[in-house]
Amino acid sequence: QTDADAAALYQKAIQSLPQDYQPKQFSDWRSLLPDQLPVEQVESALDKLKPTLDLLSQAARSKRCNWPFIKPEEAQKQQFMDELSKYRQLAFILDVQAKLQIAQGRYEQAGETLKTSLTMARHLGDAPTLIQGMVGIAIAALNQTRIEQWIQSDAPSLYWALGDLPQPLVDVNKAIKIETDNLKNYNVLLRGQFEKQLKPAHDKILKQMNHLDRKIAALRCIEGLRLYAGSHDGKFPEKLSDVTDVEIPVDPMTKKPFSYKSTGPEAVLELEASEGSEGRDAVRYELKLK
């Protein structure tokens, strides 16, 4: 880490985006399968964005991130929303870069890109407004998709790296507290009414925050299964409890083991739907060894 302020460097990164930068192009590339990427075109576009990418790398390695204080009424203005959308664009650029690096087997470089993007997500989670935290959660979800791609390649195991990630991965509790504390300026009756109105939204965002940690635990579980198969003739264990060389994480939301079934060369790991989600956060991983 360097003795710098990440927030200022993120601003410089946004300002460094060239005038001919085409965000839709990167959005389209994100939807392609790794082997469908137009490699030369993507590399050319990333080369033009090197100053931006360098600033993002510096920001992620800064010792502090001092976000400016945003008044609640300012956070609702279009100018603030437009600027916040630029962070999504930065995340899309990093996502495409990581996608290409993994597809080309440049895992060390891909790891650095993932570090940069995950740190930007965490920095946004630590920002003073809840909408910044929501963008941080969305960016972290992009990284989880890229980690899934990593696991499906011939890349080294991320089992230990995933275990070292902080929990929560993106922490929006600070922004929720700031938003709740702002209600103290109202009288008791109005404050209670506003708190009641805000609670469902806060609960929903906290659930999204916790789902990030749940997906990370599931991916770490898959990496643990991959390690087991590597030392057991290419077969998955019959039960998760059969894996003893490394610790298999439990579902952090239910505190119970993940749902798992194995036929030897194939297996299924499932994240069951959480209460009140109507199945939207359920995930089924079908695992097959090469």
C-alpha atoms as a PDB file:
ATOM      1  CA  GLN A   1       0.000   0.000   0.000  1.00  0.00           C
ATOM      2  CA  THR A   2       1.028   3.585  -0.634  1.00  0.00           C
ATOM      3  CA  ASP A   3       0.358   6.692   1.432  1.00  0.00           C
ATOM      4  CA  ALA A   4      -2.367   8.048  -0.853  1.00  0.00           C
ATOM      5  CA  ASP A   5      -6.106   8.773  -0.912  1.00  0.00           C
ATOM      6  CA  ALA A   6      -8.042   6.341  -3.096  1.00  0.00           C
ATOM      7  CA  ALA A   7     -11.076   8.641  -3.453  1.00  0.00           C
ATOM      8  CA  ALA A   8      -8.977  11.322  -5.168  1.00  0.00           C
ATOM      9  CA  LEU A   9      -7.397   8.733  -7.472  1.00  0.00           C
ATOM     10  CA  TYR A  10     -10.820   7.341  -8.455  1.00  0.00           C
ATOM     11  CA  GLN A  11     -11.814  10.883  -9.456  1.00  0.00           C
ATOM     12  CA  LYS A  12      -8.679  11.174 -11.573  1.00  0.00           C
ATOM     13  CA  ALA A  13      -9.440   7.793 -13.165  1.00  0.00           C
ATOM     14  CA  ILE A  14     -12.930   8.981 -14.127  1.00  0.00           C
ATOM     15  CA  GLN A  15     -11.523  12.215 -15.553  1.00  0.00           C
ATOM     16  CA  SER A  16      -8.901  10.269 -17.531  1.00  0.00           C
ATOM     17  CA  LEU A  17     -11.494   8.333 -19.546  1.00  0.00           C
ATOM     18  CA  PRO A  18     -10.902   9.343 -23.193  1.00  0.00           C
ATOM     19  CA  GLN A  19     -13.616  11.199 -25.062  1.00  0.00           C
ATOM     20  CA  ASP A  20     -13.970   8.381 -27.591  1.00  0.00           C
ATOM     21  CA  TYR A  21     -14.433   5.747 -24.847  1.00  0.00           C
ATOM     22  CA  GLN A  22     -17.449   3.586 -25.691  1.00  0.00           C
ATOM     23  CA  PRO A  23     -19.044   2.080 -22.559  1.00  0.00           C
ATOM     24  CA  LYS A  24     -21.538   0.048 -24.618  1.00  0.00           C
ATOM     25  CA  GLN A  25     -18.644  -1.747 -26.278  1.00  0.00           C
ATOM     26  CA  PHE A  26     -17.360  -3.003 -22.924  1.00  0.00           C
ATOM     27  CA  SER A  27     -20.879  -3.876 -21.824  1.00  0.00           C
ATOM     28  CA  ASP A  28     -21.303  -6.007 -24.963  1.00  0.00           C
ATOM     29  CA  TRP A  29     -17.946  -7.746 -24.394  1.00  0.00           C
ATOM     30  CA  ARG A  30     -18.991  -8.656 -20.877  1.00  0.00           C
ATOM     31  CA  SER A  31     -21.933 -10.651 -22.261  1.00  0.00           C
ATOM     32  CA  LEU A  32     -19.732 -12.773 -24.542  1.00  0.00           C
ATOM     33  CA  LEU A  33     -18.235 -16.130 -23.601  1.00  0.00           C
ATOM     34  CA  PRO A  34     -14.467 -15.920 -23.014  1.00  0.00           C
ATOM     35  CA  ASP A  35     -13.636 -17.717 -26.278  1.00  0.00           C
ATOM     36  CA  GLN A  36     -15.908 -15.326 -28.191  1.00  0.00           C
ATOM     37  CA  LEU A  37     -13.959 -12.182 -27.253  1.00  0.00           C
ATOM     38  CA  PRO A  38     -12.478 -10.268 -30.215  1.00  0.00           C
ATOM     39  CA  VAL A  39      -9.014 -10.384 -28.665  1.00  0.00           C
ATOM     40  CA  GLU A  40      -7.203  -7.815 -30.814  1.00  0.00           C
ATOM     41  CA  GLN A  41     -10.080  -5.337 -30.522  1.00  0.00           C
ATOM     42  CA  VAL A  42     -10.293  -5.764 -26.754  1.00  0.00           C
ATOM     43  CA  GLU A  43      -6.532  -5.423 -26.293  1.00  0.00           C
ATOM     44  CA  SER A  44      -6.496  -2.268 -28.421  1.00  0.00           C
ATOM     45  CA  ALA A  45      -9.314  -0.722 -26.364  1.00  0.00           C
ATOM     46  CA  LEU A  46      -7.579  -1.624 -23.087  1.00  0.00           C
ATOM     47  CA  ASP A  47      -4.288  -0.111 -24.311  1.00  0.00           C
ATOM     48  CA  LYS A  48      -6.059   3.226 -24.848  1.00  0.00           C
ATOM     49  CA  LEU A  49      -7.345   3.012 -21.272  1.00  0.00           C
ATOM     50  CA  LYS A  50      -3.940   2.296 -19.696  1.00  0.00           C
ATOM     51  CA  PRO A  51      -3.766   5.684 -17.841  1.00  0.00           C
ATOM     52  CA  THR A  52      -7.203   4.967 -16.331  1.00  0.00           C
ATOM     53  CA  LEU A  53      -6.244   1.411 -15.376  1.00  0.00           C
ATOM     54  CA  ASP A  54      -2.980   2.609 -13.778  1.00  0.00           C
ATOM     55  CA  LEU A  55      -4.890   5.129 -11.644  1.00  0.00           C
ATOM     56  CA  LEU A  56      -7.349   2.428 -10.542  1.00  0.00           C
ATOM     57  CA  SER A  57      -4.454   0.168  -9.560  1.00  0.00           C
ATOM     58  CA  GLN A  58      -2.938   3.014  -7.504  1.00  0.00           C
ATOM     59  CA  ALA A  59      -6.299   3.741  -5.859  1.00  0.00           C
ATOM     60  CA  ALA A  60      -6.768   0.105  -4.815  1.00  0.00           C
ATOM     61  CA  ARG A  61      -3.349   0.136  -3.161  1.00  0.00           C
ATOM     62  CA  SER A  62      -3.888   3.353  -1.197  1.00  0.00           C
ATOM     63  CA  LYS A  63      -3.861   3.301   2.606  1.00  0.00           C
ATOM     64  CA  ARG A  64      -7.015   5.408   2.913  1.00  0.00           C
ATOM     65  CA  CYS A  65     -10.142   6.368   1.031  1.00  0.00           C
ATOM     66  CA  ASN A  66     -11.554   9.692   2.242  1.00  0.00           C
ATOM     67  CA  TRP A  67     -14.909  10.116   0.548  1.00  0.00           C
ATOM     68  CA  PRO A  68     -16.262  13.670   0.666  1.00  0.00           C
ATOM     69  CA  PHE A  69     -19.331  14.169   2.846  1.00  0.00           C
ATOM     70  CA  ILE A  70     -22.525  14.090   0.792  1.00  0.00           C
ATOM     71  CA  LYS A  71     -25.666  15.756   2.118  1.00  0.00           C
ATOM     72  CA  PRO A  72     -28.785  13.573   1.734  1.00  0.00           C
ATOM     73  CA  GLU A  73     -30.361  16.051  -0.683  1.00  0.00           C
ATOM     74  CA  GLU A  74     -27.176  16.122  -2.807  1.00  0.00           C
ATOM     75  CA  ALA A  75     -27.232  12.327  -3.157  1.00  0.00           C
ATOM     76  CA  GLN A  76     -30.578  12.609  -4.957  1.00  0.00           C
ATOM     77  CA  LYS A  77     -29.343  14.997  -7.633  1.00  0.00           C
ATOM     78  CA  GLN A  78     -28.722  13.832 -11.188  1.00  0.00           C
ATOM     79  CA  GLN A  79     -25.130  15.089 -11.185  1.00  0.00           C
ATOM     80  CA  PHE A  80     -24.220  12.781  -8.294  1.00  0.00           C
ATOM     81  CA  MET A  81     -26.026   9.852  -9.949  1.00  0.00           C
ATOM     82  CA  ASP A  82     -24.225  10.475 -13.251  1.00  0.00           C
ATOM     83  CA  GLU A  83     -20.861  10.495 -11.498  1.00  0.00           C
ATOM     84  CA  LEU A  84     -21.714   7.322  -9.611  1.00  0.00           C
ATOM     85  CA  SER A  85     -22.559   5.600 -12.901  1.00  0.00           C
ATOM     86  CA  LYS A  86     -18.942   6.197 -13.940  1.00  0.00           C
ATOM     87  CA  TYR A  87     -17.837   3.730 -11.243  1.00  0.00           C
ATOM     88  CA  ARG A  88     -19.913   1.067 -12.956  1.00  0.00           C
ATOM     89  CA  GLN A  89     -18.120   1.904 -16.197  1.00  0.00           C
ATOM     90  CA  LEU A  90     -14.754   1.539 -14.466  1.00  0.00           C
ATOM     91  CA  ALA A  91     -15.896  -1.817 -13.073  1.00  0.00           C
ATOM     92  CA  PHE A  92     -16.943  -2.996 -16.557  1.00  0.00           C
ATOM     93  CA  ILE A  93     -13.487  -2.103 -17.910  1.00  0.00           C
ATOM     94  CA  LEU A  94     -11.788  -4.086 -15.136  1.00  0.00           C
ATOM     95  CA  ASP A  95     -14.206  -6.982 -15.644  1.00  0.00           C
ATOM     96  CA  VAL A  96     -13.425  -7.243 -19.355  1.00  0.00           C
ATOM     97  CA  GLN A  97      -9.694  -7.031 -18.645  1.00  0.00           C
ATOM     98  CA  ALA A  98      -9.908  -9.846 -16.077  1.00  0.00           C
ATOM     99  CA  LYS A  99     -12.057 -11.903 -18.441  1.00  0.00           C
ATOM    100  CA  LEU A 100      -9.451 -11.642 -21.200  1.00  0.00           C
ATOM    101  CA  GLN A 101      -6.532 -12.329 -18.850  1.00  0.00           C
ATOM    102  CA  ILE A 102      -8.159 -15.491 -17.487  1.00  0.00           C
ATOM    103  CA  ALA A 103      -9.076 -16.677 -20.978  1.00  0.00           C
ATOM    104  CA  GLN A 104      -5.422 -16.232 -22.019  1.00  0.00           C
ATOM    105  CA  GLY A 105      -4.094 -18.007 -18.925  1.00  0.00           C
ATOM    106  CA  ARG A 106      -2.454 -14.839 -17.535  1.00  0.00           C
ATOM    107  CA  TYR A 107      -3.553 -15.678 -14.010  1.00  0.00           C
ATOM    108  CA  GLU A 108      -1.113 -13.480 -12.095  1.00  0.00           C
ATOM    109  CA  GLN A 109      -2.281 -10.417 -14.023  1.00  0.00           C
ATOM    110  CA  ALA A 110      -5.914 -11.487 -13.657  1.00  0.00           C
ATOM    111  CA  GLY A 111      -5.407 -11.756  -9.912  1.00  0.00           C
ATOM    112  CA  GLU A 112      -4.127  -8.174  -9.782  1.00  0.00           C
ATOM    113  CA  THR A 113      -7.146  -6.972 -11.771  1.00  0.00           C
ATOM    114  CA  LEU A 114      -9.521  -8.792  -9.416  1.00  0.00           C
ATOM    115  CA  LYS A 115      -7.762  -7.243  -6.413  1.00  0.00           C
ATOM    116  CA  THR A 116      -8.231  -3.779  -7.899  1.00  0.00           C
ATOM    117  CA  SER A 117     -11.910  -4.294  -8.637  1.00  0.00           C
ATOM    118  CA  LEU A 118     -12.730  -5.934  -5.307  1.00  0.00           C
ATOM    119  CA  THR A 119     -10.984  -3.125  -3.428  1.00  0.00           C
ATOM    120  CA  MET A 120     -12.953  -0.490  -5.340  1.00  0.00           C
ATOM    121  CA  ALA A 121     -16.131  -2.365  -4.365  1.00  0.00           C
ATOM    122  CA  ARG A 122     -15.082  -2.350  -0.696  1.00  0.00           C
ATOM    123  CA  HIS A 123     -14.172   1.343  -0.827  1.00  0.00           C
ATOM    124  CA  LEU A 124     -17.637   2.161  -2.202  1.00  0.00           C
ATOM    125  CA  GLY A 125     -19.190   0.063   0.550  1.00  0.00           C
ATOM    126  CA  ASP A 126     -17.393   2.253   3.074  1.00  0.00           C
ATOM    127  CA  ALA A 127     -18.698   5.470   1.466  1.00  0.00           C
ATOM    128  CA  PRO A 128     -21.144   7.739   3.328  1.00  0.00           C
ATOM    129  CA  THR A 129     -24.226   7.127   1.158  1.00  0.00           C
ATOM    130  CA  LEU A 130     -26.140   3.900   0.802  1.00  0.00           C
ATOM    131  CA  ILE A 131     -26.421   4.223  -2.967  1.00  0.00           C
ATOM    132  CA  GLN A 132     -22.602   4.175  -3.192  1.00  0.00           C
ATOM    133  CA  GLY A 133     -22.636   0.993  -1.131  1.00  0.00           C
ATOM    134  CA  MET A 134     -25.193  -0.551  -3.487  1.00  0.00           C
ATOM    135  CA  VAL A 135     -22.863   0.144  -6.420  1.00  0.00           C
ATOM    136  CA  GLY A 136     -20.068  -1.515  -4.427  1.00  0.00           C
ATOM    137  CA  ILE A 137     -22.223  -4.622  -3.949  1.00  0.00           C
ATOM    138  CA  ALA A 138     -22.977  -4.729  -7.685  1.00  0.00           C
ATOM    139  CA  ILE A 139     -19.268  -4.458  -8.550  1.00  0.00           C
ATOM    140  CA  ALA A 140     -18.374  -7.271  -6.124  1.00  0.00           C
ATOM    141  CA  ALA A 141     -21.014  -9.443  -7.815  1.00  0.00           C
ATOM    142  CA  LEU A 142     -19.231  -8.871 -11.145  1.00  0.00           C
ATOM    143  CA  ASN A 143     -16.033 -10.142  -9.558  1.00  0.00           C
ATOM    144  CA  GLN A 144     -17.755 -13.289  -8.350  1.00  0.00           C
ATOM    145  CA  THR A 145     -18.765 -14.070 -11.938  1.00  0.00           C
ATOM    146  CA  ARG A 146     -15.139 -13.649 -12.968  1.00  0.00           C
ATOM    147  CA  ILE A 147     -13.986 -15.923 -10.107  1.00  0.00           C
ATOM    148  CA  GLU A 148     -16.392 -18.568 -11.426  1.00  0.00           C
ATOM    149  CA  GLN A 149     -14.630 -18.275 -14.805  1.00  0.00           C
ATOM    150  CA  TRP A 150     -11.247 -18.631 -13.054  1.00  0.00           C
ATOM    151  CA  ILE A 151     -12.351 -21.843 -11.332  1.00  0.00           C
ATOM    152  CA  GLN A 152     -13.533 -23.325 -14.640  1.00  0.00           C
ATOM    153  CA  SER A 153     -10.111 -22.786 -16.223  1.00  0.00           C
ATOM    154  CA  ASP A 154      -6.760 -24.444 -15.518  1.00  0.00           C
ATOM    155  CA  ALA A 155      -5.927 -21.698 -13.017  1.00  0.00           C
ATOM    156  CA  PRO A 156      -4.308 -22.293  -9.607  1.00  0.00           C
ATOM    157  CA  SER A 157      -6.648 -22.811  -6.681  1.00  0.00           C
ATOM    158  CA  LEU A 158      -8.224 -19.739  -5.067  1.00  0.00           C
ATOM    159  CA  TYR A 159      -9.210 -21.721  -1.971  1.00  0.00           C
ATOM    160  CA  TRP A 160      -6.847 -19.863   0.393  1.00  0.00           C
ATOM    161  CA  ALA A 161      -7.276 -16.461  -1.263  1.00  0.00           C
ATOM    162  CA  LEU A 162     -11.065 -16.663  -0.941  1.00  0.00           C
ATOM    163  CA  GLY A 163     -10.702 -17.634   2.703  1.00  0.00           C
ATOM    164  CA  ASP A 164      -8.640 -14.498   3.366  1.00  0.00           C
ATOM    165  CA  LEU A 165     -11.284 -12.119   2.020  1.00  0.00           C
ATOM    166  CA  PRO A 166     -12.934  -9.969   4.711  1.00  0.00           C
ATOM    167  CA  GLN A 167     -16.495 -10.532   5.868  1.00  0.00           C
ATOM    168  CA  PRO A 168     -18.630  -8.728   4.984  1.00  0.00           C
ATOM    169  CA  LEU A 169     -16.924  -8.463   1.606  1.00  0.00           C
ATOM    170  CA  VAL A 170     -18.659  -5.103   1.055  1.00  0.00           C
ATOM    171  CA  ASP A 171     -19.844  -3.561   4.327  1.00  0.00           C
ATOM    172  CA  VAL A 172     -22.737  -1.088   3.988  1.00  0.00           C
ATOM    173  CA  ASN A 173     -23.482  -0.891   7.723  1.00  0.00           C
ATOM    174  CA  LYS A 174     -21.691   2.462   7.991  1.00  0.00           C
ATOM    175  CA  ALA A 175     -23.902   4.042   5.324  1.00  0.00           C
ATOM    176  CA  ILE A 176     -27.044   2.595   6.939  1.00  0.00           C
ATOM    177  CA  LYS A 177     -26.007   4.069  10.307  1.00  0.00           C
ATOM    178  CA  ILE A 178     -25.378   7.482   8.735  1.00  0.00           C
ATOM    179  CA  GLU A 179     -28.779   7.370   7.032  1.00  0.00           C
ATOM    180  CA  THR A 180     -30.488   6.363  10.283  1.00  0.00           C
ATOM    181  CA  ASP A 181     -28.592   8.966  12.346  1.00  0.00           C
ATOM    182  CA  ASN A 182     -29.757  11.693   9.944  1.00  0.00           C
ATOM    183  CA  LEU A 183     -33.303  11.022  11.144  1.00  0.00           C
ATOM    184  CA  LYS A 184     -32.418  12.387  14.585  1.00  0.00           C
ATOM    185  CA  ASN A 185     -33.077  15.881  13.240  1.00  0.00           C
ATOM    186  CA  TYR A 186     -36.786  15.048  13.013  1.00  0.00           C
ATOM    187  CA  ASN A 187     -39.260  14.924  15.896  1.00  0.00           C
ATOM    188  CA  VAL A 188     -40.018  11.573  17.514  1.00  0.00           C
ATOM    189  CA  LEU A 189     -43.207  10.869  15.543  1.00  0.00           C
ATOM    190  CA  LEU A 190     -41.712  11.648  12.143  1.00  0.00           C
ATOM    191  CA  ARG A 191     -38.493   9.803  12.983  1.00  0.00           C
ATOM    192  CA  GLY A 192     -40.382   6.622  13.838  1.00  0.00           C
ATOM    193  CA  GLN A 193     -42.373   6.871  10.623  1.00  0.00           C
ATOM    194  CA  PHE A 194     -39.249   7.345   8.477  1.00  0.00           C
ATOM    195  CA  GLU A 195     -37.427   4.492  10.233  1.00  0.00           C
ATOM    196  CA  LYS A 196     -40.376   2.223   9.511  1.00  0.00           C
ATOM    197  CA  GLN A 197     -40.282   3.241   5.830  1.00  0.00           C
ATOM    198  CA  LEU A 198     -36.524   2.733   5.533  1.00  0.00           C
ATOM    199  CA  LYS A 199     -36.300  -0.639   7.301  1.00  0.00           C
ATOM    200  CA  PRO A 200     -37.501  -2.835   4.353  1.00  0.00           C
ATOM    201  CA  ALA A 201     -34.960  -1.169   2.038  1.00  0.00           C
ATOM    202  CA  HIS A 202     -32.166  -1.550   4.611  1.00  0.00           C
ATOM    203  CA  ASP A 203     -33.063  -5.210   5.182  1.00  0.00           C
ATOM    204  CA  LYS A 204     -33.010  -5.877   1.428  1.00  0.00           C
ATOM    205  CA  ILE A 205     -29.588  -4.271   0.990  1.00  0.00           C
ATOM    206  CA  LEU A 206     -28.174  -6.149   3.979  1.00  0.00           C
ATOM    207  CA  LYS A 207     -29.458  -9.384   2.459  1.00  0.00           C
ATOM    208  CA  GLN A 208     -27.628  -8.542  -0.788  1.00  0.00           C
ATOM    209  CA  MET A 209     -24.504  -7.795   1.242  1.00  0.00           C
ATOM    210  CA  ASN A 210     -24.739 -11.160   3.018  1.00  0.00           C
ATOM    211  CA  HIS A 211     -25.398 -12.975  -0.266  1.00  0.00           C
ATOM    212  CA  LEU A 212     -21.967 -11.825  -1.500  1.00  0.00           C
ATOM    213  CA  ASP A 213     -20.331 -13.626   1.426  1.00  0.00           C
ATOM    214  CA  ARG A 214     -22.519 -16.653   0.771  1.00  0.00           C
ATOM    215  CA  LYS A 215     -21.362 -16.885  -2.851  1.00  0.00           C
ATOM    216  CA  ILE A 216     -17.712 -16.497  -1.810  1.00  0.00           C
ATOM    217  CA  ALA A 217     -18.132 -19.337   0.711  1.00  0.00           C
ATOM    218  CA  ALA A 218     -19.727 -21.519  -1.993  1.00  0.00           C
ATOM    219  CA  LEU A 219     -16.897 -20.802  -4.442  1.00  0.00           C
ATOM    220  CA  ARG A 220     -14.357 -21.604  -1.744  1.00  0.00           C
ATOM    221  CA  CYS A 221     -16.243 -24.841  -1.104  1.00  0.00           C
ATOM    222  CA  ILE A 222     -15.977 -25.687  -4.819  1.00  0.00           C
ATOM    223  CA  GLU A 223     -12.250 -24.984  -4.735  1.00  0.00           C
ATOM    224  CA  GLY A 224     -11.984 -27.311  -1.740  1.00  0.00           C
ATOM    225  CA  LEU A 225     -13.766 -30.016  -3.757  1.00  0.00           C
ATOM    226  CA  ARG A 226     -11.382 -29.403  -6.653  1.00  0.00           C
ATOM    227  CA  LEU A 227      -8.413 -29.864  -4.308  1.00  0.00           C
ATOM    228  CA  TYR A 228      -9.933 -33.118  -3.009  1.00  0.00           C
ATOM    229  CA  ALA A 229     -10.471 -34.466  -6.520  1.00  0.00           C
ATOM    230  CA  GLY A 230      -6.896 -33.589  -7.428  1.00  0.00           C
ATOM    231  CA  SER A 231      -5.610 -36.035  -4.809  1.00  0.00           C
ATOM    232  CA  HIS A 232      -8.367 -38.698  -5.127  1.00  0.00           C
ATOM    233  CA  ASP A 233      -8.122 -40.021  -8.686  1.00  0.00           C
ATOM    234  CA  GLY A 234     -10.226 -37.203 -10.150  1.00  0.00           C
ATOM    235  CA  LYS A 235     -13.348 -37.983  -8.122  1.00  0.00           C
ATOM    236  CA  PHE A 236     -15.482 -35.821  -5.897  1.00  0.00           C
ATOM    237  CA  PRO A 237     -16.138 -36.902  -2.291  1.00  0.00           C
ATOM    238  CA  GLU A 238     -19.404 -38.652  -1.468  1.00  0.00           C
ATOM    239  CA  LYS A 239     -20.072 -36.125   1.296  1.00  0.00           C
ATOM    240  CA  LEU A 240     -18.637 -32.718   2.117  1.00  0.00           C
ATOM    241  CA  SER A 241     -17.509 -34.103   5.475  1.00  0.00           C
ATOM    242  CA  ASP A 242     -15.190 -36.510   3.599  1.00  0.00           C
ATOM    243  CA  VAL A 243     -12.951 -33.527   2.777  1.00  0.00           C
ATOM    244  CA  THR A 244     -10.462 -33.381   5.666  1.00  0.00           C
ATOM    245  CA  ASP A 245      -7.293 -31.904   4.144  1.00  0.00           C
ATOM    246  CA  VAL A 246      -8.861 -28.438   4.035  1.00  0.00           C
ATOM    247  CA  GLU A 247     -11.792 -26.884   5.866  1.00  0.00           C
ATOM    248  CA  ILE A 248     -15.044 -26.788   3.895  1.00  0.00           C
ATOM    249  CA  PRO A 249     -16.955 -23.609   4.776  1.00  0.00           C
ATOM    250  CA  VAL A 250     -20.600 -23.691   5.772  1.00  0.00           C
ATOM    251  CA  ASP A 251     -23.318 -21.423   4.418  1.00  0.00           C
ATOM    252  CA  PRO A 252     -22.722 -18.166   6.384  1.00  0.00           C
ATOM    253  CA  MET A 253     -26.435 -17.299   6.231  1.00  0.00           C
ATOM    254  CA  THR A 254     -27.819 -20.598   7.534  1.00  0.00           C
ATOM    255  CA  LYS A 255     -24.696 -21.717   9.466  1.00  0.00           C
ATOM    256  CA  LYS A 256     -25.277 -25.166   7.934  1.00  0.00           C
ATOM    257  CA  PRO A 257     -23.370 -27.134   5.262  1.00  0.00           C
ATOM    258  CA  PHE A 258     -24.265 -26.401   1.646  1.00  0.00           C
ATOM    259  CA  SER A 259     -26.566 -28.862  -0.109  1.00  0.00           C
ATOM    260  CA  TYR A 260     -24.303 -31.343  -1.942  1.00  0.00           C
ATOM    261  CA  LYS A 261     -24.671 -34.518  -4.017  1.00  0.00           C
ATOM    262  CA  SER A 262     -21.989 -36.507  -5.808  1.00  0.00           C
ATOM    263  CA  THR A 263     -21.791 -39.284  -8.375  1.00  0.00           C
ATOM    264  CA  GLY A 264     -17.979 -39.421  -8.357  1.00  0.00           C
ATOM    265  CA  PRO A 265     -16.909 -37.596 -11.539  1.00  0.00           C
ATOM    266  CA  GLU A 266     -19.825 -35.144 -11.208  1.00  0.00           C
ATOM    267  CA  ALA A 267     -21.427 -33.276  -8.315  1.00  0.00           C
ATOM    268  CA  VAL A 268     -24.014 -30.617  -7.506  1.00  0.00           C
ATOM    269  CA  LEU A 269     -23.618 -27.854  -4.937  1.00  0.00           C
ATOM    270  CA  GLU A 270     -26.665 -25.732  -4.189  1.00  0.00           C
ATOM    271  CA  LEU A 271     -27.371 -22.512  -2.340  1.00  0.00           C
ATOM    272  CA  GLU A 272     -30.975 -22.771  -1.294  1.00  0.00           C
ATOM    273  CA  ALA A 273     -33.227 -19.733  -1.487  1.00  0.00           C
ATOM    274  CA  SER A 274     -33.179 -17.560   1.623  1.00  0.00           C
ATOM    275  CA  GLU A 275     -36.350 -16.646   3.469  1.00  0.00           C
ATOM    276  CA  GLY A 276     -38.434 -14.071   1.624  1.00  0.00           C
ATOM    277  CA  SER A 277     -36.313 -14.113  -1.558  1.00  0.00           C
ATOM    278  CA  GLU A 278     -38.845 -16.151  -3.585  1.00  0.00           C
ATOM    279  CA  GLY A 279     -35.980 -18.144  -5.059  1.00  0.00           C
ATOM    280  CA  ARG A 280     -34.152 -15.175  -6.579  1.00  0.00           C
ATOM    281  CA  ASP A 281     -30.931 -15.871  -4.653  1.00  0.00           C
ATOM    282  CA  ALA A 282     -30.932 -19.654  -5.136  1.00  0.00           C
ATOM    283  CA  VAL A 283     -27.857 -20.942  -7.007  1.00  0.00           C
ATOM    284  CA  ARG A 284     -27.141 -24.406  -8.422  1.00  0.00           C
ATOM    285  CA  TYR A 285     -23.576 -25.324  -9.383  1.00  0.00           C
ATOM    286  CA  GLU A 286     -23.236 -28.424 -11.569  1.00  0.00           C
ATOM    287  CA  LEU A 287     -19.647 -29.618 -11.257  1.00  0.00           C
ATOM    288  CA  LYS A 288     -17.859 -31.853 -13.713  1.00  0.00           C
ATOM    289  CA  LEU A 289     -14.150 -32.659 -13.721  1.00  0.00           C
ATOM    290  CA  LYS A 290     -12.154 -32.529 -16.931  1.00  0.00           C
END
